[in-house]
C-alpha atoms as a PDB file:
ATOM      1  CA  MET A   1      94.610  90.251 126.252  1.00  0.00           C
ATOM      2  CA  SER A   2      92.918  89.110 129.477  1.00  0.00           C
ATOM      3  CA  SER A   3      92.163  92.767 130.307  1.00  0.00           C
ATOM      4  CA  LEU A   4      90.072  93.137 127.118  1.00  0.00           C
ATOM      5  CA  PRO A   5      86.285  92.642 127.213  1.00  0.00           C
ATOM      6  CA  LYS A   6      85.158  89.135 126.228  1.00  0.00           C
ATOM      7  CA  LEU A   7      83.753  90.313 122.895  1.00  0.00           C
ATOM      8  CA  ASP A   8      87.088  91.916 121.982  1.00  0.00           C
ATOM      9  CA  GLN A   9      88.988  88.785 123.001  1.00  0.00           C
ATOM     10  CA  TYR A  10      86.619  86.597 120.993  1.00  0.00           C
ATOM     11  CA  LEU A  11      86.861  88.648 117.769  1.00  0.00           C
ATOM     12  CA  LEU A  12      90.585  89.365 118.117  1.00  0.00           C
ATOM     13  CA  LEU A  13      91.399  85.656 118.578  1.00  0.00           C
ATOM     14  CA  LYS A  14      89.271  84.779 115.554  1.00  0.00           C
ATOM     15  CA  TYR A  15      91.018  87.480 113.536  1.00  0.00           C
ATOM     16  CA  LEU A  16      94.551  86.342 114.416  1.00  0.00           C
ATOM     17  CA  LYS A  17      93.931  82.579 114.428  1.00  0.00           C
ATOM     18  CA  THR A  18      92.185  82.615 111.042  1.00  0.00           C
ATOM     19  CA  PHE A  19      94.916  84.777 109.514  1.00  0.00           C
ATOM     20  CA  LEU A  20      97.754  82.633 110.888  1.00  0.00           C
ATOM     21  CA  LEU A  21      96.032  79.421 109.758  1.00  0.00           C
ATOM     22  CA  ALA A  22      95.443  80.817 106.260  1.00  0.00           C
ATOM     23  CA  MET A  23      99.067  81.981 105.978  1.00  0.00           C
ATOM     24  CA  ALA A  24     100.404  78.664 107.283  1.00  0.00           C
ATOM     25  CA  LEU A  25      98.372  76.685 104.751  1.00  0.00           C
ATOM     26  CA  ILE A  26      99.358  78.846 101.796  1.00  0.00           C
ATOM     27  CA  ILE A  27     103.045  78.856 102.848  1.00  0.00           C
ATOM     28  CA  VAL A  28     103.057  75.029 102.903  1.00  0.00           C
ATOM     29  CA  ILE A  29     101.461  74.968  99.424  1.00  0.00           C
ATOM     30  CA  VAL A  30     103.852  77.583  98.004  1.00  0.00           C
ATOM     31  CA  ILE A  31     106.942  75.873  99.455  1.00  0.00           C
ATOM     32  CA  THR A  32     105.764  72.550  98.020  1.00  0.00           C
ATOM     33  CA  PHE A  33     105.441  74.041  94.539  1.00  0.00           C
ATOM     34  CA  ASP A  34     108.740  75.934  94.915  1.00  0.00           C
ATOM     35  CA  ILE A  35     110.594  72.735  95.883  1.00  0.00           C
ATOM     36  CA  SER A  36     109.193  70.891  92.859  1.00  0.00           C
ATOM     37  CA  GLU A  37     110.273  73.782  90.614  1.00  0.00           C
ATOM     38  CA  LYS A  38     113.775  74.246  92.057  1.00  0.00           C
ATOM     39  CA  LEU A  39     114.635  70.656  92.967  1.00  0.00           C
ATOM     40  CA  ASP A  40     116.758  70.191  89.836  1.00  0.00           C
ATOM     41  CA  ASP A  41     118.654  73.415  90.606  1.00  0.00           C
ATOM     42  CA  PHE A  42     119.273  72.331  94.201  1.00  0.00           C
ATOM     43  CA  LEU A  43     120.566  68.935  93.049  1.00  0.00           C
ATOM     44  CA  SER A  44     122.725  70.289  90.213  1.00  0.00           C
ATOM     45  CA  GLY A  45     124.156  72.971  92.505  1.00  0.00           C
ATOM     46  CA  HIS A  46     124.785  70.394  95.289  1.00  0.00           C
ATOM     47  CA  ALA A  47     122.974  72.583  97.824  1.00  0.00           C
ATOM     48  CA  PRO A  48     123.155  71.074 101.361  1.00  0.00           C
ATOM     49  CA  LEU A  49     119.787  70.324 102.990  1.00  0.00           C
ATOM     50  CA  GLN A  50     120.675  72.496 105.985  1.00  0.00           C
ATOM     51  CA  GLU A  51     121.260  75.542 103.768  1.00  0.00           C
ATOM     52  CA  ILE A  52     118.103  74.858 101.751  1.00  0.00           C
ATOM     53  CA  VAL A  53     116.031  74.862 104.942  1.00  0.00           C
ATOM     54  CA  PHE A  54     117.732  77.573 106.985  1.00  0.00           C
ATOM     55  CA  ASP A  55     119.297  79.879 104.370  1.00  0.00           C
ATOM     56  CA  TYR A  56     116.645  79.668 101.677  1.00  0.00           C
ATOM     57  CA  TYR A  57     113.192  78.748 102.995  1.00  0.00           C
ATOM     58  CA  LEU A  58     113.555  80.254 106.464  1.00  0.00           C
ATOM     59  CA  ASN A  59     114.433  83.581 104.814  1.00  0.00           C
ATOM     60  CA  PHE A  60     111.823  83.131 102.074  1.00  0.00           C
ATOM     61  CA  ILE A  61     108.834  82.907 104.470  1.00  0.00           C
ATOM     62  CA  PRO A  62     108.968  86.450 106.018  1.00  0.00           C
ATOM     63  CA  GLY A  63     109.041  88.068 102.571  1.00  0.00           C
ATOM     64  CA  PHE A  64     106.065  86.011 101.429  1.00  0.00           C
ATOM     65  CA  VAL A  65     104.115  86.854 104.603  1.00  0.00           C
ATOM     66  CA  ASN A  66     104.914  90.554 104.202  1.00  0.00           C
ATOM     67  CA  LEU A  67     103.905  90.630 100.533  1.00  0.00           C
ATOM     68  CA  TYR A  68     100.592  88.787 100.836  1.00  0.00           C
ATOM     69  CA  SER A  69      99.469  89.817 104.331  1.00  0.00           C
ATOM     70  CA  PRO A  70      96.838  92.327 103.096  1.00  0.00           C
ATOM     71  CA  LEU A  71      95.259  89.739 100.789  1.00  0.00           C
ATOM     72  CA  PHE A  72      95.141  86.987 103.410  1.00  0.00           C
ATOM     73  CA  ILE A  73      93.947  89.353 106.128  1.00  0.00           C
ATOM     74  CA  PHE A  74      91.138  90.194 103.749  1.00  0.00           C
ATOM     75  CA  ILE A  75      90.257  86.558 103.025  1.00  0.00           C
ATOM     76  CA  SER A  76      90.483  85.664 106.726  1.00  0.00           C
ATOM     77  CA  VAL A  77      88.182  88.505 107.785  1.00  0.00           C
ATOM     78  CA  ILE A  78      85.626  87.591 105.132  1.00  0.00           C
ATOM     79  CA  PHE A  79      85.798  83.906 106.090  1.00  0.00           C
ATOM     80  CA  PHE A  80      85.202  84.150 109.842  1.00  0.00           C
ATOM     81  CA  THR A  81      82.892  87.212 109.701  1.00  0.00           C
ATOM     82  CA  SER A  82      80.703  85.507 107.088  1.00  0.00           C
ATOM     83  CA  LYS A  83      80.437  82.452 109.326  1.00  0.00           C
ATOM     84  CA  MET A  84      79.465  84.706 112.227  1.00  0.00           C
ATOM     85  CA  ALA A  85      76.848  86.435 110.071  1.00  0.00           C
ATOM     86  CA  GLY A  86      75.504  83.073 108.894  1.00  0.00           C
ATOM     87  CA  ASN A  87      75.177  81.931 112.506  1.00  0.00           C
ATOM     88  CA  THR A  88      73.405  85.252 113.359  1.00  0.00           C
ATOM     89  CA  GLU A  89      76.241  86.146 115.762  1.00  0.00           C
ATOM     90  CA  ILE A  90      76.545  89.602 114.204  1.00  0.00           C
ATOM     91  CA  ILE A  91      72.819  90.205 114.714  1.00  0.00           C
ATOM     92  CA  ALA A  92      73.145  89.075 118.338  1.00  0.00           C
ATOM     93  CA  ILE A  93      76.107  91.407 118.933  1.00  0.00           C
ATOM     94  CA  LEU A  94      74.351  94.433 117.433  1.00  0.00           C
ATOM     95  CA  GLY A  95      71.050  93.487 119.076  1.00  0.00           C
ATOM     96  CA  SER A  96      72.690  93.560 122.508  1.00  0.00           C
ATOM     97  CA  GLY A  97      73.200  97.292 122.168  1.00  0.00           C
ATOM     98  CA  ILE A  98      76.785  97.259 120.896  1.00  0.00           C
ATOM     99  CA  SER A  99      77.264  99.695 118.024  1.00  0.00           C
ATOM    100  CA  TYR A 100      78.759  98.645 114.706  1.00  0.00           C
ATOM    101  CA  ARG A 101      81.666 101.026 115.279  1.00  0.00           C
ATOM    102  CA  ARG A 102      82.302  99.445 118.687  1.00  0.00           C
ATOM    103  CA  MET A 103      82.240  95.982 117.089  1.00  0.00           C
ATOM    104  CA  LEU A 104      85.003  97.097 114.698  1.00  0.00           C
ATOM    105  CA  ARG A 105      87.376  97.878 117.581  1.00  0.00           C
ATOM    106  CA  PRO A 106      88.883  94.350 117.987  1.00  0.00           C
ATOM    107  CA  TYR A 107      89.292  94.153 114.205  1.00  0.00           C
ATOM    108  CA  MET A 108      91.368  97.341 114.412  1.00  0.00           C
ATOM    109  CA  TYR A 109      93.391  95.881 117.303  1.00  0.00           C
ATOM    110  CA  GLY A 110      94.269  92.907 115.135  1.00  0.00           C
ATOM    111  CA  ALA A 111      94.980  95.098 112.082  1.00  0.00           C
ATOM    112  CA  THR A 112      97.293  97.305 114.157  1.00  0.00           C
ATOM    113  CA  LEU A 113      99.261  94.304 115.415  1.00  0.00           C
ATOM    114  CA  VAL A 114      99.665  92.822 111.916  1.00  0.00           C
ATOM    115  CA  ALA A 115     100.483  96.242 110.391  1.00  0.00           C
ATOM    116  CA  LEU A 116     103.264  96.831 112.945  1.00  0.00           C
ATOM    117  CA  ILE A 117     104.749  93.412 112.169  1.00  0.00           C
ATOM    118  CA  VAL A 118     104.549  94.111 108.414  1.00  0.00           C
ATOM    119  CA  LEU A 119     106.184  97.524 108.975  1.00  0.00           C
ATOM    120  CA  ALA A 120     109.074  96.006 110.961  1.00  0.00           C
ATOM    121  CA  PHE A 121     109.488  93.119 108.515  1.00  0.00           C
ATOM    122  CA  GLY A 122     109.450  95.306 105.399  1.00  0.00           C
ATOM    123  CA  ASN A 123     111.829  97.970 106.693  1.00  0.00           C
ATOM    124  CA  PHE A 124     114.409  95.932 108.578  1.00  0.00           C
ATOM    125  CA  LEU A 125     114.054  92.126 108.589  1.00  0.00           C
ATOM    126  CA  ILE A 126     113.290  91.296 104.959  1.00  0.00           C
ATOM    127  CA  PRO A 127     116.285  93.230 103.483  1.00  0.00           C
ATOM    128  CA  VAL A 128     118.553  91.060 105.677  1.00  0.00           C
ATOM    129  CA  ASN A 129     116.688  87.944 104.497  1.00  0.00           C
ATOM    130  CA  ASN A 130     117.059  89.066 100.874  1.00  0.00           C
ATOM    131  CA  ARG A 131     120.847  89.275 101.228  1.00  0.00           C
ATOM    132  CA  THR A 132     120.963  85.659 102.402  1.00  0.00           C
ATOM    133  CA  LEU A 133     118.592  84.637  99.606  1.00  0.00           C
ATOM    134  CA  ASP A 134     120.755  86.395  97.009  1.00  0.00           C
ATOM    135  CA  THR A 135     123.878  84.674  98.328  1.00  0.00           C
ATOM    136  CA  PHE A 136     122.161  81.278  98.225  1.00  0.00           C
ATOM    137  CA  ASP A 137     120.734  81.957  94.748  1.00  0.00           C
ATOM    138  CA  ASN A 138     124.116  82.950  93.319  1.00  0.00           C
ATOM    139  CA  LYS A 139     125.831  79.992  94.987  1.00  0.00           C
ATOM    140  CA  TYR A 140     123.463  77.145  94.142  1.00  0.00           C
ATOM    141  CA  VAL A 141     120.639  78.163  91.774  1.00  0.00           C
ATOM    142  CA  HIS A 142     121.927  80.687  89.238  1.00  0.00           C
ATOM    143  CA  LEU A 143     125.560  79.650  89.170  1.00  0.00           C
ATOM    144  CA  HIS A 144     126.242  81.707  86.048  1.00  0.00           C
ATOM    145  CA  LYS A 145     123.963  84.604  86.850  1.00  0.00           C
ATOM    146  CA  ALA A 146     124.663  87.530  84.578  1.00  0.00           C
ATOM    147  CA  LYS A 147     126.265  90.526  86.219  1.00  0.00           C
ATOM    148  CA  TYR A 148     126.262  92.698  83.134  1.00  0.00           C
ATOM    149  CA  PHE A 149     124.320  95.963  83.262  1.00  0.00           C
ATOM    150  CA  SER A 150     123.372  97.967  80.183  1.00  0.00           C
ATOM    151  CA  ASN A 151     123.011 101.712  79.628  1.00  0.00           C
ATOM    152  CA  VAL A 152     124.613 102.925  82.861  1.00  0.00           C
ATOM    153  CA  HIS A 153     124.353 106.665  83.470  1.00  0.00           C
ATOM    154  CA  PHE A 154     125.116 108.641  86.619  1.00  0.00           C
ATOM    155  CA  GLN A 155     126.736 111.803  87.974  1.00  0.00           C
ATOM    156  CA  VAL A 156     129.984 111.359  89.897  1.00  0.00           C
ATOM    157  CA  LYS A 157     129.855 114.906  91.252  1.00  0.00           C
ATOM    158  CA  PRO A 158     128.133 118.113  90.132  1.00  0.00           C
ATOM    159  CA  GLY A 159     129.052 118.790  86.519  1.00  0.00           C
ATOM    160  CA  VAL A 160     130.683 115.392  85.860  1.00  0.00           C
ATOM    161  CA  GLN A 161     128.514 112.855  84.027  1.00  0.00           C
ATOM    162  CA  ILE A 162     129.365 109.224  83.332  1.00  0.00           C
ATOM    163  CA  TYR A 163     127.844 107.198  80.488  1.00  0.00           C
ATOM    164  CA  ALA A 164     128.527 103.577  79.583  1.00  0.00           C
ATOM    165  CA  GLU A 165     126.984 101.131  77.171  1.00  0.00           C
ATOM    166  CA  GLY A 166     127.525  98.301  79.650  1.00  0.00           C
ATOM    167  CA  TYR A 167     129.294  97.285  82.842  1.00  0.00           C
ATOM    168  CA  ASP A 168     130.434  93.768  83.773  1.00  0.00           C
ATOM    169  CA  ALA A 169     130.631  93.521  87.574  1.00  0.00           C
ATOM    170  CA  THR A 170     132.605  90.253  87.437  1.00  0.00           C
ATOM    171  CA  THR A 171     135.488  91.476  85.292  1.00  0.00           C
ATOM    172  CA  MET A 172     135.088  95.203  86.170  1.00  0.00           C
ATOM    173  CA  ARG A 173     135.001  95.979  82.465  1.00  0.00           C
ATOM    174  CA  VAL A 174     133.124  98.962  81.002  1.00  0.00           C
ATOM    175  CA  ASN A 175     132.169  99.153  77.336  1.00  0.00           C
ATOM    176  CA  ASN A 176     131.916 102.446  75.411  1.00  0.00           C
ATOM    177  CA  PHE A 177     132.811 104.657  78.340  1.00  0.00           C
ATOM    178  CA  HIS A 178     132.266 108.447  78.300  1.00  0.00           C
ATOM    179  CA  ARG A 179     133.064 111.034  80.968  1.00  0.00           C
ATOM    180  CA  ASP A 180     131.665 114.505  80.269  1.00  0.00           C
ATOM    181  CA  VAL A 181     132.471 117.639  82.269  1.00  0.00           C
ATOM    182  CA  TYR A 182     130.142 120.676  82.128  1.00  0.00           C
ATOM    183  CA  ASP A 183     130.734 124.235  83.302  1.00  0.00           C
ATOM    184  CA  GLU A 184     128.311 126.344  85.378  1.00  0.00           C
ATOM    185  CA  ASN A 185     126.432 127.278  82.168  1.00  0.00           C
ATOM    186  CA  TYR A 186     125.876 123.582  81.351  1.00  0.00           C
ATOM    187  CA  ARG A 187     128.268 123.685  78.401  1.00  0.00           C
ATOM    188  CA  MET A 188     130.543 120.724  77.817  1.00  0.00           C
ATOM    189  CA  VAL A 189     134.173 121.672  78.389  1.00  0.00           C
ATOM    190  CA  ASP A 190     135.821 118.246  78.563  1.00  0.00           C
ATOM    191  CA  ARG A 191     135.072 114.747  77.270  1.00  0.00           C
ATOM    192  CA  ILE A 192     136.925 111.459  77.665  1.00  0.00           C
ATOM    193  CA  SER A 193     135.834 108.499  75.507  1.00  0.00           C
ATOM    194  CA  CYS A 194     137.113 104.911  75.494  1.00  0.00           C
ATOM    195  CA  ARG A 195     135.963 101.888  73.558  1.00  0.00           C
ATOM    196  CA  MET A 196     136.632  99.790  76.653  1.00  0.00           C
ATOM    197  CA  ILE A 197     138.126 100.274  80.123  1.00  0.00           C
ATOM    198  CA  VAL A 198     139.113  97.561  82.629  1.00  0.00           C
ATOM    199  CA  TYR A 199     139.937  98.301  86.264  1.00  0.00           C
ATOM    200  CA  ASP A 200     143.431  97.477  87.506  1.00  0.00           C
ATOM    201  CA  THR A 201     143.100  96.560  91.188  1.00  0.00           C
ATOM    202  CA  VAL A 202     146.867  96.884  91.771  1.00  0.00           C
ATOM    203  CA  SER A 203     147.333 100.457  90.560  1.00  0.00           C
ATOM    204  CA  GLY A 204     143.788 101.649  91.165  1.00  0.00           C
ATOM    205  CA  LYS A 205     143.671 102.937  87.579  1.00  0.00           C
ATOM    206  CA  TRP A 206     141.843 101.927  84.402  1.00  0.00           C
ATOM    207  CA  ASN A 207     143.338 100.165  81.380  1.00  0.00           C
ATOM    208  CA  CYS A 208     141.890 102.202  78.516  1.00  0.00           C
ATOM    209  CA  GLU A 209     141.447 101.009  74.921  1.00  0.00           C
ATOM    210  CA  ASP A 210     141.116 103.677  72.186  1.00  0.00           C
ATOM    211  CA  PHE A 211     141.382 106.575  74.634  1.00  0.00           C
ATOM    212  CA  VAL A 212     140.203 109.934  73.226  1.00  0.00           C
ATOM    213  CA  HIS A 213     140.418 113.177  75.230  1.00  0.00           C
ATOM    214  CA  ARG A 214     138.647 116.236  73.852  1.00  0.00           C
ATOM    215  CA  THR A 215     138.978 119.628  75.564  1.00  0.00           C
ATOM    216  CA  LEU A 216     136.857 122.661  74.629  1.00  0.00           C
ATOM    217  CA  LYS A 217     137.790 126.215  75.618  1.00  0.00           C
ATOM    218  CA  GLY A 218     135.866 128.955  73.893  1.00  0.00           C
ATOM    219  CA  HIS A 219     136.183 128.232  70.197  1.00  0.00           C
ATOM    220  CA  GLN A 220     139.390 126.281  70.692  1.00  0.00           C
ATOM    221  CA  GLU A 221     139.379 122.484  70.694  1.00  0.00           C
ATOM    222  CA  HIS A 222     142.215 120.196  71.710  1.00  0.00           C
ATOM    223  CA  LEU A 223     142.097 116.505  70.799  1.00  0.00           C
ATOM    224  CA  SER A 224     144.458 113.749  71.976  1.00  0.00           C
ATOM    225  CA  ARG A 225     144.391 109.993  71.358  1.00  0.00           C
ATOM    226  CA  ASP A 226     146.080 106.951  72.854  1.00  0.00           C
ATOM    227  CA  PRO A 227     145.444 103.357  71.701  1.00  0.00           C
ATOM    228  CA  HIS A 228     146.435 101.866  75.065  1.00  0.00           C
ATOM    229  CA  SER A 229     146.940 103.692  78.339  1.00  0.00           C
ATOM    230  CA  LEU A 230     146.599 103.362  82.112  1.00  0.00           C
ATOM    231  CA  ARG A 231     144.734 106.328  83.616  1.00  0.00           C
ATOM    232  CA  LYS A 232     142.687 107.623  86.535  1.00  0.00           C
ATOM    233  CA  LEU A 233     139.194 108.580  85.369  1.00  0.00           C
ATOM    234  CA  ASP A 234     137.524 110.037  88.513  1.00  0.00           C
ATOM    235  CA  VAL A 235     135.374 106.914  88.761  1.00  0.00           C
ATOM    236  CA  THR A 236     135.718 103.550  90.535  1.00  0.00           C
ATOM    237  CA  PRO A 237     133.991 100.149  90.223  1.00  0.00           C
ATOM    238  CA  GLU A 238     132.072 101.047  93.410  1.00  0.00           C
ATOM    239  CA  ASP A 239     130.423 103.893  91.481  1.00  0.00           C
ATOM    240  CA  PHE A 240     129.122 101.440  88.887  1.00  0.00           C
ATOM    241  CA  ASN A 241     128.133  98.910  91.548  1.00  0.00           C
ATOM    242  CA  SER A 242     126.179 101.616  93.360  1.00  0.00           C
ATOM    243  CA  SER A 243     124.247 102.384  90.192  1.00  0.00           C
ATOM    244  CA  THR A 244     123.273  98.717  89.828  1.00  0.00           C
ATOM    245  CA  ALA A 245     122.666  98.049  93.537  1.00  0.00           C
ATOM    246  CA  ASN A 246     119.879  95.720  94.652  1.00  0.00           C
ATOM    247  CA  ILE A 247     117.571  97.987  96.651  1.00  0.00           C
ATOM    248  CA  THR A 248     115.634  95.044  98.110  1.00  0.00           C
ATOM    249  CA  THR A 249     118.693  94.112 100.214  1.00  0.00           C
ATOM    250  CA  MET A 250     118.908  97.546 101.892  1.00  0.00           C
ATOM    251  CA  ASN A 251     117.093  98.365 105.107  1.00  0.00           C
ATOM    252  CA  SER A 252     115.072 101.580 104.971  1.00  0.00           C
ATOM    253  CA  ILE A 253     117.792 103.714 106.579  1.00  0.00           C
ATOM    254  CA  ASP A 254     120.370 102.554 104.015  1.00  0.00           C
ATOM    255  CA  LEU A 255     117.780 102.890 101.254  1.00  0.00           C
ATOM    256  CA  TYR A 256     117.143 106.528 102.206  1.00  0.00           C
ATOM    257  CA  LYS A 257     120.913 107.225 102.115  1.00  0.00           C
ATOM    258  CA  TYR A 258     121.075 105.494  98.733  1.00  0.00           C
ATOM    259  CA  ILE A 259     118.263 107.722  97.406  1.00  0.00           C
ATOM    260  CA  VAL A 260     120.075 110.864  98.573  1.00  0.00           C
ATOM    261  CA  GLN A 261     123.316 109.661  96.951  1.00  0.00           C
ATOM    262  CA  GLU A 262     121.704 108.633  93.661  1.00  0.00           C
ATOM    263  CA  LYS A 263     119.732 111.881  93.516  1.00  0.00           C
ATOM    264  CA  MET A 264     123.007 113.793  93.690  1.00  0.00           C
ATOM    265  CA  ARG A 265     124.409 111.535  90.974  1.00  0.00           C
ATOM    266  CA  GLY A 266     121.380 112.129  88.750  1.00  0.00           C
ATOM    267  CA  SER A 267     120.729 108.395  88.526  1.00  0.00           C
ATOM    268  CA  SER A 268     117.541 107.018  86.983  1.00  0.00           C
ATOM    269  CA  ALA A 269     117.449 104.456  89.819  1.00  0.00           C
ATOM    270  CA  VAL A 270     116.037 107.097  92.191  1.00  0.00           C
ATOM    271  CA  ILE A 271     112.401 106.567  91.146  1.00  0.00           C
ATOM    272  CA  ALA A 272     112.448 102.804  91.760  1.00  0.00           C
ATOM    273  CA  ALA A 273     114.228 103.326  95.092  1.00  0.00           C
ATOM    274  CA  LYS A 274     111.678 105.928  96.207  1.00  0.00           C
ATOM    275  CA  ILE A 275     108.778 103.649  95.281  1.00  0.00           C
ATOM    276  CA  GLU A 276     110.377 100.810  97.259  1.00  0.00           C
ATOM    277  CA  LEU A 277     110.803 103.042 100.332  1.00  0.00           C
ATOM    278  CA  TYR A 278     107.289 104.504 100.165  1.00  0.00           C
ATOM    279  CA  GLN A 279     105.775 101.042  99.726  1.00  0.00           C
ATOM    280  CA  ARG A 280     107.563  99.821 102.850  1.00  0.00           C
ATOM    281  CA  LEU A 281     106.235 102.774 104.845  1.00  0.00           C
ATOM    282  CA  LEU A 282     102.687 103.028 103.471  1.00  0.00           C
ATOM    283  CA  ASN A 283     101.671  99.473 102.538  1.00  0.00           C
ATOM    284  CA  PRO A 284     100.838  98.569 106.183  1.00  0.00           C
ATOM    285  CA  LEU A 285      97.851 100.921 105.733  1.00  0.00           C
ATOM    286  CA  SER A 286      96.391  98.327 103.360  1.00  0.00           C
ATOM    287  CA  ILE A 287      95.963  95.982 106.345  1.00  0.00           C
ATOM    288  CA  PHE A 288      93.417  98.405 107.823  1.00  0.00           C
ATOM    289  CA  ILE A 289      91.756  99.037 104.457  1.00  0.00           C
ATOM    290  CA  MET A 290      91.383  95.330 103.659  1.00  0.00           C
ATOM    291  CA  THR A 291      90.085  94.642 107.173  1.00  0.00           C
ATOM    292  CA  LEU A 292      87.391  97.312 106.916  1.00  0.00           C
ATOM    293  CA  ILE A 293      86.305  96.223 103.437  1.00  0.00           C
ATOM    294  CA  GLY A 294      86.227  92.586 104.583  1.00  0.00           C
ATOM    295  CA  VAL A 295      84.030  93.367 107.605  1.00  0.00           C
ATOM    296  CA  GLY A 296      81.731  95.652 105.635  1.00  0.00           C
ATOM    297  CA  VAL A 297      81.196  93.097 102.866  1.00  0.00           C
ATOM    298  CA  SER A 298      80.800  89.979 105.028  1.00  0.00           C
ATOM    299  CA  SER A 299      78.893  91.212 108.082  1.00  0.00           C
ATOM    300  CA  ARG A 300      75.563  91.067 106.267  1.00  0.00           C
ATOM    301  CA  LYS A 301      73.713  87.750 106.070  1.00  0.00           C
ATOM    302  CA  THR A 302      73.006  86.755 102.454  1.00  0.00           C
ATOM    303  CA  ARG A 303      71.399  83.770 100.789  1.00  0.00           C
ATOM    304  CA  GLY A 304      74.627  82.826  99.002  1.00  0.00           C
ATOM    305  CA  GLY A 305      76.588  82.868 102.263  1.00  0.00           C
ATOM    306  CA  ILE A 306      80.366  82.983 102.299  1.00  0.00           C
ATOM    307  CA  GLY A 307      80.632  82.291  98.543  1.00  0.00           C
ATOM    308  CA  VAL A 308      78.963  85.586  97.638  1.00  0.00           C
ATOM    309  CA  HIS A 309      81.086  87.460 100.176  1.00  0.00           C
ATOM    310  CA  LEU A 310      84.298  85.934  98.833  1.00  0.00           C
ATOM    311  CA  ALA A 311      83.339  86.730  95.223  1.00  0.00           C
ATOM    312  CA  ILE A 312      82.627  90.391  96.025  1.00  0.00           C
ATOM    313  CA  GLY A 313      85.638  90.710  98.292  1.00  0.00           C
ATOM    314  CA  ILE A 314      88.146  89.089  95.946  1.00  0.00           C
ATOM    315  CA  SER A 315      86.909  91.327  93.103  1.00  0.00           C
ATOM    316  CA  LEU A 316      87.629  94.380  95.256  1.00  0.00           C
ATOM    317  CA  ALA A 317      91.019  93.009  96.318  1.00  0.00           C
ATOM    318  CA  PHE A 318      91.929  92.270  92.690  1.00  0.00           C
ATOM    319  CA  GLY A 319      90.965  95.834  91.722  1.00  0.00           C
ATOM    320  CA  TYR A 320      93.138  97.162  94.545  1.00  0.00           C
ATOM    321  CA  ILE A 321      96.189  95.147  93.427  1.00  0.00           C
ATOM    322  CA  VAL A 322      95.731  96.146  89.756  1.00  0.00           C
ATOM    323  CA  PHE A 323      95.369  99.802  90.740  1.00  0.00           C
ATOM    324  CA  MET A 324      98.632  99.641  92.740  1.00  0.00           C
ATOM    325  CA  LYS A 325     100.473  98.103  89.775  1.00  0.00           C
ATOM    326  CA  VAL A 326      99.103 100.709  87.343  1.00  0.00           C
ATOM    327  CA  THR A 327     100.135 103.684  89.500  1.00  0.00           C
ATOM    328  CA  THR A 328     103.603 102.164  89.967  1.00  0.00           C
ATOM    329  CA  VAL A 329     104.046 101.816  86.199  1.00  0.00           C
ATOM    330  CA  PHE A 330     102.971 105.448  85.706  1.00  0.00           C
ATOM    331  CA  ALA A 331     105.578 106.518  88.281  1.00  0.00           C
ATOM    332  CA  VAL A 332     108.410 104.499  86.698  1.00  0.00           C
ATOM    333  CA  PHE A 333     107.646 105.190  83.037  1.00  0.00           C
ATOM    334  CA  GLY A 334     105.472 108.315  83.267  1.00  0.00           C
ATOM    335  CA  THR A 335     105.300 111.535  85.236  1.00  0.00           C
ATOM    336  CA  LEU A 336     103.364 110.434  88.315  1.00  0.00           C
ATOM    337  CA  ASN A 337     105.075 111.352  91.588  1.00  0.00           C
ATOM    338  CA  PRO A 338     106.463 108.195  93.303  1.00  0.00           C
ATOM    339  CA  PHE A 339     104.935 109.108  96.678  1.00  0.00           C
ATOM    340  CA  LEU A 340     101.550 109.743  95.067  1.00  0.00           C
ATOM    341  CA  SER A 341     101.777 106.492  93.115  1.00  0.00           C
ATOM    342  CA  VAL A 342     101.970 104.573  96.402  1.00  0.00           C
ATOM    343  CA  LEU A 343      99.521 106.756  98.350  1.00  0.00           C
ATOM    344  CA  LEU A 344      96.798 107.049  95.679  1.00  0.00           C
ATOM    345  CA  PRO A 345      95.582 103.404  95.893  1.00  0.00           C
ATOM    346  CA  GLN A 346      95.439 103.727  99.691  1.00  0.00           C
ATOM    347  CA  ILE A 347      93.305 106.886  99.428  1.00  0.00           C
ATOM    348  CA  VAL A 348      90.931 105.527  96.774  1.00  0.00           C
ATOM    349  CA  PHE A 349      90.343 102.188  98.479  1.00  0.00           C
ATOM    350  CA  GLY A 350      90.278 103.877 101.883  1.00  0.00           C
ATOM    351  CA  ILE A 351      87.251 105.801 100.572  1.00  0.00           C
ATOM    352  CA  VAL A 352      85.802 102.506  99.281  1.00  0.00           C
ATOM    353  CA  ALA A 353      86.336 100.940 102.732  1.00  0.00           C
ATOM    354  CA  ALA A 354      84.612 103.887 104.433  1.00  0.00           C
ATOM    355  CA  TYR A 355      81.643 103.594 102.054  1.00  0.00           C
ATOM    356  CA  VAL A 356      81.340  99.812 102.509  1.00  0.00           C
ATOM    357  CA  VAL A 357      81.385 100.156 106.297  1.00  0.00           C
ATOM    358  CA  LYS A 358      78.901 103.044 106.234  1.00  0.00           C
ATOM    359  CA  THR A 359      76.378 101.119 104.086  1.00  0.00           C
ATOM    360  CA  ALA A 360      76.735  97.835 106.005  1.00  0.00           C
ATOM    361  CA  PRO A 361      73.539  96.745 107.867  1.00  0.00           C
ATOM    362  CA  LYS A 362      73.665  97.887 111.465  1.00  0.00           C
END
């Protein structure tokens, strides 16, 4: 940093120090509220203090920082830039012959540093933290957390579809199981139905209740029944566990492999997994967008001072967050492409950032 011009050092230090101070303050507040909310769970679960501190809160902080970095970068930029504008420092900088674009350079240095940290955290560190958090949560907080998943549907291999009303990961029991086999013309040629199947870990087979096997060949149909039987069904508990996997505990490399696998299986979990991956890769762009909007809004000196800047800025930030949520919902429950659902808010508010910077007093 010593090789940077003094102006760049001055603005970059303000950028980073204000952001770190804001994050530190909000983390202390959030942890305080979280302790008050979960204290009964910690006590009833007999969670050791060491595990509460190191397994829970130490792994909780990076995820919180990653999630709210764009918002607190935005607030930090507005806060210290408004103070500079109020003290006529911005006017002095521009009056010395430094262009507005040149003044933005240290802001971009700071945004790049924070964006790289957010990128590394989101893709690799936080999934590891989430595994530890899940283990702690299952051990001490939600001791009887449900591991029952409804309406499971996936493809084991091309032409073989699995349907189940529900799957209990604890007992490895599947309710209302169906395995359908289709030929190359997408006509069903084989169906196995069971009221309930339970996995036998010794034999590697399934205990089937009310087993029904229906075979179709041309206009001929063969039907067989068995009230109780032990059979192989071309499916394992790992197949069901994969369909109900927690994507937040996968790093981005594993998440990409999971997407490829679930796409082959025809799983409905692909959309949510794609959105998660694209958010990890593209959300660091919001650091730059929020920085530019913050500078553009707060670099002008107004009678209301920092209060007016914060009101305008927070309104824009709120609109940005709402827009991201809306596009995500359209991707999950509508027809919007997952990649576009993540990229669209960045494009729209990137245009807003460019307009705010362009119209800022220079």
